[in-house]
Amino acid sequence: MNILNKIVSDKYKEVELRKSIIPVQQLENSVLFNRQGNSLAEALRKSNTGIIAEHKRRSPSKAVINQKVSVQDVAIGYETAGVCGMSVLTDGKYFGGSLDDLVLARASASMPLLRKEFIIDEYQLLEAKAYGADVILLIAAVLSRDEIKSLSEFAKKLSLDVLLEVHNLEELEKSIMPSLDMLGVNNRNLKTFEVSTDVSKELSKHIPDDFVKVSESGISSIEAIKDLQQYDYEGFLIGENFMKTENPGQSAIEFIKALQS
């Protein structure tokens, strides 16, 4: 069983437990549930940098990345830097995140927030909405076409943007549908954990222009972004590059300044 299968197997158990603790009605009564969303897809279309900056404490491949900085400081720093949106890891067991991180980021910043999670159930979309997210991630590697369709359509009913993540052409071809806003290509091979932006370049020609193209993982240089922009990528998800520094917000400020110069 690879790491992704293990995470998803655990996620099914976790979601069932969460459902038994917090009923749907309680989520729908949340103060944040009816707030007007902030579209990440629109922000990326208008931007000339396209940076989506991530808050991530640890990961299965890297162990500890940064346990010291507060999510509030990171959110304020990223917003000051002028990123298009912030990705917040909410998985606890493997990434050290939580829904509390999402709500704290929401309290600290007005930019679009992506709930970065292994989504397998509509309940998690209701959670995302209740805790202040504007965008949800669906991962094609763990969902069937029918699941992608039903989850993305449900997200649209909740006025959430949908970023669909693929790793190869097969996943991309099964996933293209009108209820998606953004198509993200993950440059990390899930089996070997090797990273190469060649994956994004190869798949770019297969992504219809209706979708905002996002490149994810392994983007740590200005050159990599400028290179990918030639392949019509408008979004760049940057996680560890900022989080592995003492001050992720300041790192983002310097990176974006260099990108614009």
Protein backbone atom coordinates (compact mmCIF):
# COMPACT_ATOMS: atom_id res chain seq x y z
CA MET A 1 0.00 0.00 0.00
CA ASN A 2 1.56 3.34 -1.04
CA ILE A 3 1.41 6.40 1.18
CA LEU A 4 -1.53 7.98 -0.68
CA ASN A 5 -3.66 4.83 -0.28
CA LYS A 6 -2.78 4.70 3.42
CA ILE A 7 -3.73 8.36 3.94
CA VAL A 8 -7.07 7.87 2.15
CA SER A 9 -7.83 4.68 4.07
CA ASP A 10 -7.30 6.57 7.33
CA LYS A 11 -9.33 9.51 5.99
CA TYR A 12 -12.47 7.39 5.53
CA LYS A 13 -12.30 6.42 9.21
CA GLU A 14 -11.59 9.99 10.29
CA VAL A 15 -14.52 11.44 8.34
CA GLU A 16 -16.95 8.90 9.76
CA LEU A 17 -15.80 9.84 13.26
CA ARG A 18 -16.11 13.58 12.56
CA LYS A 19 -19.64 13.10 11.21
CA SER A 20 -20.63 11.43 14.45
CA ILE A 21 -19.26 14.34 16.51
CA ILE A 22 -20.39 17.41 14.55
CA PRO A 23 -23.73 17.13 12.70
CA VAL A 24 -24.22 18.77 9.29
CA GLN A 25 -26.70 21.25 10.75
CA GLN A 26 -24.06 22.55 13.14
CA LEU A 27 -21.70 23.19 10.21
CA GLU A 28 -24.45 24.94 8.26
CA ASN A 29 -25.16 27.19 11.25
CA SER A 30 -21.52 28.33 11.42
CA VAL A 31 -20.95 32.10 11.27
CA LEU A 32 -18.69 31.66 8.23
CA PHE A 33 -20.98 29.31 6.29
CA ASN A 34 -22.87 32.05 4.44
CA ARG A 35 -19.97 34.43 3.85
CA GLN A 36 -19.36 35.58 0.29
CA GLY A 37 -16.55 33.49 -1.22
CA ASN A 38 -13.40 34.93 -2.78
CA SER A 39 -12.55 33.23 -6.08
CA LEU A 40 -8.99 31.93 -6.42
CA ALA A 41 -9.50 31.24 -10.14
CA GLU A 42 -10.38 34.91 -10.74
CA ALA A 43 -7.44 36.10 -8.63
CA LEU A 44 -5.06 33.92 -10.68
CA ARG A 45 -6.47 35.16 -13.99
CA LYS A 46 -5.86 38.78 -12.96
CA SER A 47 -2.40 38.22 -11.51
CA ASN A 48 0.99 38.38 -13.22
CA THR A 49 2.66 36.24 -10.54
CA GLY A 50 0.04 33.57 -9.75
CA ILE A 51 1.54 32.49 -6.43
CA ILE A 52 -0.50 30.24 -4.14
CA ALA A 53 1.53 30.00 -0.94
CA GLU A 54 1.11 27.12 1.46
CA HIS A 55 1.03 26.62 5.21
CA LYS A 56 2.44 23.17 5.92
CA ARG A 57 4.08 21.98 9.15
CA ARG A 58 5.30 18.59 7.99
CA SER A 59 4.79 15.97 5.29
CA PRO A 60 5.30 12.22 4.87
CA SER A 61 8.22 12.84 2.50
CA LYS A 62 10.01 15.56 4.49
CA ALA A 63 9.00 14.97 8.14
CA VAL A 64 9.17 18.34 9.95
CA ILE A 65 9.19 21.44 7.73
CA ASN A 66 8.28 24.19 10.19
CA GLN A 67 6.54 23.70 13.54
CA LYS A 68 7.47 27.09 14.98
CA VAL A 69 5.59 29.79 13.05
CA SER A 70 1.96 30.58 13.82
CA VAL A 71 -0.60 30.21 11.07
CA GLN A 72 -1.82 33.77 11.76
CA ASP A 73 1.66 35.24 11.17
CA VAL A 74 2.07 33.18 8.01
CA ALA A 75 -1.33 34.28 6.66
CA ILE A 76 -0.63 37.96 7.38
CA GLY A 77 2.82 37.65 5.82
CA TYR A 78 1.51 35.96 2.68
CA GLU A 79 -1.26 38.55 2.26
CA THR A 80 1.26 41.38 2.69
CA ALA A 81 3.43 39.71 0.04
CA GLY A 82 0.50 39.87 -2.40
CA VAL A 83 0.02 36.16 -3.05
CA CYS A 84 -3.12 35.18 -4.97
CA GLY A 85 -4.23 32.72 -2.32
CA MET A 86 -3.13 30.57 0.57
CA SER A 87 -3.26 26.79 0.77
CA VAL A 88 -3.88 25.46 4.28
CA LEU A 89 -3.15 21.80 5.05
CA THR A 90 -5.90 20.49 7.33
CA ASP A 91 -4.80 16.83 7.59
CA GLY A 92 -3.60 16.12 11.12
CA LYS A 93 -2.04 12.66 11.10
CA TYR A 94 0.34 13.08 8.15
CA PHE A 95 0.77 16.85 7.79
CA GLY A 96 0.23 18.24 11.29
CA GLY A 97 -2.60 20.53 10.20
CA SER A 98 -6.18 21.07 11.34
CA LEU A 99 -9.40 22.89 10.55
CA ASP A 100 -8.41 25.32 13.30
CA ASP A 101 -5.53 26.41 11.05
CA LEU A 102 -8.07 27.25 8.37
CA VAL A 103 -10.28 29.32 10.65
CA LEU A 104 -7.25 31.15 12.12
CA ALA A 105 -6.00 31.98 8.62
CA ARG A 106 -9.50 33.22 7.74
CA ALA A 107 -9.54 35.47 10.81
CA SER A 108 -6.16 36.94 9.80
CA ALA A 109 -6.56 37.50 6.04
CA SER A 110 -9.12 38.16 3.32
CA MET A 111 -7.34 36.46 0.38
CA PRO A 112 -8.79 33.22 -1.08
CA LEU A 113 -8.09 30.18 1.13
CA LEU A 114 -7.74 26.65 -0.22
CA ARG A 115 -8.55 23.77 2.09
CA LYS A 116 -5.74 21.34 1.18
CA GLU A 117 -7.14 17.99 2.18
CA PHE A 118 -7.78 14.45 0.96
CA ILE A 119 -11.45 14.90 0.13
CA ILE A 120 -13.58 11.78 -0.21
CA ASP A 121 -16.95 12.92 1.16
CA GLU A 122 -19.38 15.84 0.75
CA TYR A 123 -19.20 16.34 4.51
CA GLN A 124 -15.63 17.67 4.09
CA LEU A 125 -16.92 20.33 1.69
CA LEU A 126 -19.43 21.48 4.29
CA GLU A 127 -16.55 21.64 6.79
CA ALA A 128 -14.47 23.67 4.33
CA LYS A 129 -17.30 26.18 3.93
CA ALA A 130 -17.99 26.34 7.69
CA TYR A 131 -14.33 26.99 8.53
CA GLY A 132 -13.82 29.77 5.98
CA ALA A 133 -12.38 28.16 2.85
CA ASP A 134 -13.04 29.58 -0.62
CA VAL A 135 -11.54 26.70 -2.59
CA ILE A 136 -11.35 22.94 -2.25
CA LEU A 137 -8.90 20.45 -3.69
CA LEU A 138 -9.97 17.20 -5.35
CA ILE A 139 -7.27 14.62 -6.12
CA ALA A 140 -7.95 12.56 -9.25
CA ALA A 141 -5.66 9.76 -8.05
CA VAL A 142 -8.05 8.86 -5.22
CA LEU A 143 -11.44 9.56 -6.84
CA SER A 144 -13.45 8.00 -9.67
CA ARG A 145 -14.89 10.19 -12.41
CA ASP A 146 -18.35 9.94 -10.82
CA GLU A 147 -16.95 10.99 -7.45
CA ILE A 148 -15.14 13.95 -9.01
CA LYS A 149 -18.39 14.96 -10.72
CA SER A 150 -20.61 14.71 -7.64
CA LEU A 151 -18.09 16.37 -5.29
CA SER A 152 -17.27 19.22 -7.69
CA GLU A 153 -20.95 19.89 -8.42
CA PHE A 154 -21.70 19.93 -4.69
CA ALA A 155 -18.81 22.36 -4.16
CA LYS A 156 -20.25 24.68 -6.81
CA LYS A 157 -23.63 24.65 -4.98
CA LEU A 158 -21.71 25.87 -1.92
CA SER A 159 -20.04 28.60 -4.06
CA LEU A 160 -16.62 27.02 -3.56
CA ASP A 161 -13.97 27.10 -6.28
CA VAL A 162 -12.66 23.67 -7.31
CA LEU A 163 -9.02 22.83 -7.98
CA LEU A 164 -8.64 19.34 -9.43
CA GLU A 165 -5.18 17.79 -9.10
CA VAL A 166 -3.77 15.29 -11.59
CA HIS A 167 -0.44 13.47 -11.91
CA ASN A 168 -0.68 12.06 -15.45
CA LEU A 169 -2.65 12.10 -18.71
CA GLU A 170 -4.94 9.24 -17.70
CA GLU A 171 -6.09 11.11 -14.58
CA LEU A 172 -6.52 14.31 -16.58
CA GLU A 173 -8.66 12.71 -19.28
CA LYS A 174 -11.06 11.14 -16.78
CA SER A 175 -11.41 14.41 -14.87
CA ILE A 176 -12.20 17.18 -17.34
CA MET A 177 -15.72 18.49 -16.69
CA PRO A 178 -17.49 21.88 -16.47
CA SER A 179 -17.78 21.89 -12.66
CA LEU A 180 -14.02 22.47 -12.24
CA ASP A 181 -12.40 25.91 -12.14
CA MET A 182 -8.72 25.03 -12.06
CA LEU A 183 -6.68 22.04 -13.18
CA GLY A 184 -3.56 21.47 -11.15
CA VAL A 185 -0.68 19.30 -12.29
CA ASN A 186 1.33 17.83 -9.42
CA ASN A 187 4.96 17.52 -10.46
CA ARG A 188 5.66 14.94 -7.74
CA ASN A 189 5.59 11.28 -8.68
CA LEU A 190 3.49 9.68 -5.93
CA LYS A 191 5.31 6.37 -6.20
CA THR A 192 8.90 7.65 -6.12
CA PHE A 193 8.38 11.17 -4.69
CA GLU A 194 10.69 12.47 -7.46
CA VAL A 195 9.77 15.94 -8.70
CA SER A 196 10.01 17.33 -12.24
CA THR A 197 8.18 20.25 -13.86
CA ASP A 198 8.37 18.32 -17.14
CA VAL A 199 5.07 16.73 -16.05
CA SER A 200 3.37 20.16 -16.10
CA LYS A 201 4.88 20.99 -19.48
CA GLU A 202 3.81 17.69 -21.00
CA LEU A 203 0.21 17.90 -19.73
CA SER A 204 -0.30 21.62 -20.51
CA LYS A 205 -1.29 20.95 -24.13
CA HIS A 206 -4.03 18.56 -23.00
CA ILE A 207 -5.74 21.04 -20.64
CA PRO A 208 -8.52 23.06 -22.32
CA ASP A 209 -8.25 26.85 -22.09
CA ASP A 210 -11.53 27.07 -20.11
CA PHE A 211 -9.58 26.07 -16.98
CA VAL A 212 -6.96 27.98 -15.06
CA LYS A 213 -3.76 25.89 -15.21
CA VAL A 214 -1.91 25.44 -11.93
CA SER A 215 1.48 23.80 -11.46
CA GLU A 216 2.12 22.21 -8.05
CA SER A 217 5.19 20.86 -6.19
CA GLY A 218 8.87 21.39 -6.76
CA ILE A 219 8.61 25.05 -7.72
CA SER A 220 11.37 26.88 -5.89
CA SER A 221 12.85 29.32 -8.38
CA ILE A 222 11.85 32.36 -10.41
CA GLU A 223 13.20 30.58 -13.51
CA ALA A 224 10.84 27.62 -13.01
CA ILE A 225 7.81 29.94 -12.93
CA LYS A 226 8.89 31.98 -15.96
CA ASP A 227 9.50 28.72 -17.80
CA LEU A 228 6.03 27.36 -16.92
CA GLN A 229 4.30 30.63 -17.84
CA GLN A 230 5.32 29.90 -21.43
CA TYR A 231 3.10 26.80 -21.18
CA ASP A 232 0.09 28.96 -20.16
CA TYR A 233 0.29 28.22 -16.43
CA GLU A 234 -1.33 30.99 -14.39
CA GLY A 235 -1.05 29.45 -10.90
CA PHE A 236 1.96 28.13 -8.98
CA LEU A 237 1.50 26.33 -5.68
CA ILE A 238 4.58 26.88 -3.52
CA GLY A 239 4.73 25.00 -0.24
CA GLU A 240 8.02 24.01 1.31
CA ASN A 241 10.07 26.77 -0.34
CA PHE A 242 8.54 29.43 1.95
CA MET A 243 7.67 27.23 4.94
CA LYS A 244 11.20 25.89 5.40
CA THR A 245 12.41 29.43 6.23
CA GLU A 246 12.09 31.17 9.61
CA ASN A 247 9.75 33.81 8.21
CA PRO A 248 7.59 32.38 5.36
CA GLY A 249 5.80 35.70 4.78
CA GLN A 250 9.08 37.59 4.34
CA SER A 251 10.37 34.86 2.02
CA ALA A 252 7.21 35.25 -0.10
CA ILE A 253 7.66 39.05 -0.20
CA GLU A 254 11.25 38.69 -1.48
CA PHE A 255 10.30 35.95 -3.96
CA ILE A 256 7.41 37.93 -5.49
CA LYS A 257 9.52 41.11 -5.66
CA ALA A 258 12.19 39.18 -7.58
CA LEU A 259 9.56 37.60 -9.84
CA GLN A 260 8.16 41.03 -10.77
CA SER A 261 11.53 42.67 -11.37
